[in-house]
N, C-alpha and C. Protein backbone atom coordinates (compact mmCIF):
# COMPACT_ATOMS: atom_id res chain seq x y z
N MET A 1 108.92 92.53 64.89
CA MET A 1 108.85 93.69 65.76
C MET A 1 108.85 93.22 67.21
N LYS A 2 109.65 93.84 68.03
CA LYS A 2 109.74 93.50 69.44
C LYS A 2 108.64 94.20 70.23
N HIS A 3 108.22 93.54 71.29
CA HIS A 3 107.22 94.10 72.19
C HIS A 3 107.78 94.11 73.60
N ILE A 4 107.19 94.95 74.44
CA ILE A 4 107.57 94.98 75.84
C ILE A 4 106.65 94.03 76.59
N TYR A 5 107.24 93.18 77.41
CA TYR A 5 106.50 92.23 78.22
C TYR A 5 106.67 92.57 79.69
N LEU A 6 105.72 92.12 80.51
CA LEU A 6 105.77 92.33 81.95
C LEU A 6 105.64 91.00 82.65
N CYS A 7 106.55 90.73 83.58
CA CYS A 7 106.47 89.54 84.41
C CYS A 7 105.62 89.91 85.63
N HIS A 8 104.48 89.27 85.80
CA HIS A 8 103.60 89.58 86.91
C HIS A 8 104.09 88.98 88.22
N LYS A 9 104.99 88.05 88.13
CA LYS A 9 105.53 87.41 89.33
C LYS A 9 106.50 88.34 90.06
N CYS A 10 107.40 88.98 89.33
CA CYS A 10 108.40 89.85 89.96
C CYS A 10 108.31 91.30 89.48
N ASN A 11 107.29 91.64 88.69
CA ASN A 11 107.05 93.01 88.19
C ASN A 11 108.27 93.61 87.49
N VAL A 12 108.84 92.86 86.56
CA VAL A 12 109.99 93.30 85.78
C VAL A 12 109.58 93.40 84.32
N PHE A 13 109.97 94.48 83.66
CA PHE A 13 109.73 94.64 82.23
C PHE A 13 110.86 93.97 81.47
N THR A 14 110.52 93.32 80.35
CA THR A 14 111.52 92.61 79.57
C THR A 14 111.14 92.65 78.09
N MET A 15 112.06 92.33 77.23
CA MET A 15 111.80 92.29 75.80
C MET A 15 111.62 90.86 75.30
N SER A 16 111.73 89.88 76.18
CA SER A 16 111.54 88.49 75.79
C SER A 16 110.32 87.91 76.48
N GLU A 17 109.81 86.80 75.96
CA GLU A 17 108.61 86.19 76.53
C GLU A 17 108.86 85.52 77.87
N LEU A 18 110.11 85.23 78.18
CA LEU A 18 110.46 84.67 79.47
C LEU A 18 111.17 85.74 80.29
N CYS A 19 110.83 85.82 81.57
CA CYS A 19 111.43 86.81 82.45
C CYS A 19 112.90 86.50 82.63
N THR A 20 113.74 87.54 82.52
CA THR A 20 115.17 87.35 82.68
C THR A 20 115.57 87.21 84.13
N LYS A 21 114.71 87.65 85.04
CA LYS A 21 115.02 87.61 86.46
C LYS A 21 114.61 86.29 87.11
N CYS A 22 113.35 85.87 86.89
CA CYS A 22 112.87 84.66 87.57
C CYS A 22 112.62 83.49 86.63
N GLY A 23 112.58 83.73 85.32
CA GLY A 23 112.39 82.65 84.35
C GLY A 23 110.95 82.28 84.06
N SER A 24 109.98 82.96 84.68
CA SER A 24 108.58 82.64 84.42
C SER A 24 108.11 83.33 83.14
N LYS A 25 106.94 82.95 82.66
CA LYS A 25 106.41 83.50 81.42
C LYS A 25 105.91 84.92 81.65
N ALA A 26 106.30 85.84 80.79
CA ALA A 26 105.88 87.23 80.86
C ALA A 26 104.74 87.46 79.87
N SER A 27 103.86 88.42 80.17
CA SER A 27 102.74 88.71 79.28
C SER A 27 102.93 90.06 78.61
N THR A 28 102.32 90.21 77.45
CA THR A 28 102.44 91.44 76.69
C THR A 28 101.59 92.53 77.32
N LEU A 29 101.98 93.77 77.12
CA LEU A 29 101.25 94.90 77.67
C LEU A 29 100.29 95.52 76.66
N LYS A 30 100.28 95.01 75.44
CA LYS A 30 99.40 95.54 74.42
C LYS A 30 97.95 95.16 74.73
N PRO A 31 97.02 96.10 74.61
CA PRO A 31 95.62 95.75 74.82
C PRO A 31 95.10 94.92 73.64
N PRO A 32 94.02 94.18 73.85
CA PRO A 32 93.46 93.41 72.74
C PRO A 32 92.93 94.33 71.64
N LYS A 33 92.92 93.84 70.42
CA LYS A 33 92.46 94.62 69.27
C LYS A 33 90.96 94.90 69.40
N TYR A 34 90.54 96.13 69.11
CA TYR A 34 89.13 96.51 69.21
C TYR A 34 88.32 95.86 68.10
N SER A 35 87.16 95.37 68.46
CA SER A 35 86.24 94.81 67.48
C SER A 35 84.83 95.28 67.83
N PRO A 36 84.10 95.86 66.89
CA PRO A 36 82.72 96.28 67.17
C PRO A 36 81.79 95.09 67.39
N GLU A 37 82.22 93.90 67.01
CA GLU A 37 81.41 92.70 67.19
C GLU A 37 81.80 91.92 68.44
N ASP A 38 82.42 92.59 69.41
CA ASP A 38 82.88 91.94 70.63
C ASP A 38 81.68 91.50 71.46
N LYS A 39 81.51 90.20 71.63
CA LYS A 39 80.34 89.69 72.33
C LYS A 39 80.49 89.73 73.85
N TYR A 40 81.68 90.04 74.37
CA TYR A 40 81.90 90.10 75.82
C TYR A 40 82.03 91.53 76.34
N ALA A 41 81.84 92.53 75.49
CA ALA A 41 81.99 93.93 75.89
C ALA A 41 81.00 94.31 76.99
N GLY A 42 79.78 93.82 76.89
CA GLY A 42 78.77 94.13 77.91
C GLY A 42 79.16 93.60 79.28
N TYR A 43 79.70 92.41 79.32
CA TYR A 43 80.15 91.84 80.59
C TYR A 43 81.32 92.64 81.17
N ARG A 44 82.22 93.07 80.30
CA ARG A 44 83.38 93.84 80.74
C ARG A 44 82.95 95.19 81.32
N ARG A 45 82.01 95.87 80.64
CA ARG A 45 81.50 97.15 81.13
C ARG A 45 80.78 96.97 82.46
N GLN A 46 80.01 95.90 82.59
CA GLN A 46 79.29 95.64 83.83
C GLN A 46 80.27 95.38 84.98
N ALA A 47 81.33 94.64 84.74
CA ALA A 47 82.33 94.37 85.77
C ALA A 47 83.03 95.65 86.19
N MET A 48 83.36 96.52 85.23
CA MET A 48 84.01 97.79 85.57
C MET A 48 83.07 98.68 86.38
N GLN A 49 81.78 98.69 86.02
CA GLN A 49 80.79 99.49 86.75
C GLN A 49 80.67 99.00 88.19
N GLU A 50 80.62 97.69 88.39
CA GLU A 50 80.52 97.13 89.74
C GLU A 50 81.77 97.44 90.56
N GLU A 51 82.93 97.41 89.92
CA GLU A 51 84.18 97.73 90.62
C GLU A 51 84.19 99.19 91.05
N ARG A 52 83.72 100.09 90.19
CA ARG A 52 83.65 101.51 90.55
C ARG A 52 82.70 101.74 91.72
N GLU A 53 81.54 101.05 91.69
CA GLU A 53 80.58 101.20 92.78
C GLU A 53 81.14 100.65 94.09
N LYS A 54 81.89 99.56 94.02
CA LYS A 54 82.48 98.97 95.21
C LYS A 54 83.51 99.92 95.83
N ARG A 55 84.26 100.62 94.97
CA ARG A 55 85.28 101.56 95.46
C ARG A 55 84.68 102.91 95.89
N GLY A 56 83.42 103.13 95.57
CA GLY A 56 82.76 104.39 95.93
C GLY A 56 83.10 105.52 95.00
N LEU A 57 83.44 105.22 93.76
CA LEU A 57 83.79 106.25 92.79
C LEU A 57 82.57 106.81 92.08
N ILE A 58 81.44 106.16 92.24
CA ILE A 58 80.21 106.63 91.57
C ILE A 58 79.20 107.07 92.60
């Protein structure tokens, strides 16, 4: 199954793991699989909360 990749260097969407425009490695846009046993979820929520407070959204 093919996936859509994004080159963060030139912001181009591609269907291959290498960017067709600049040749650098592209990353997948799929989010990581959810796991209820995720040991880093607390850190991720804390970082998002701090980012919201910094932007004045809360």
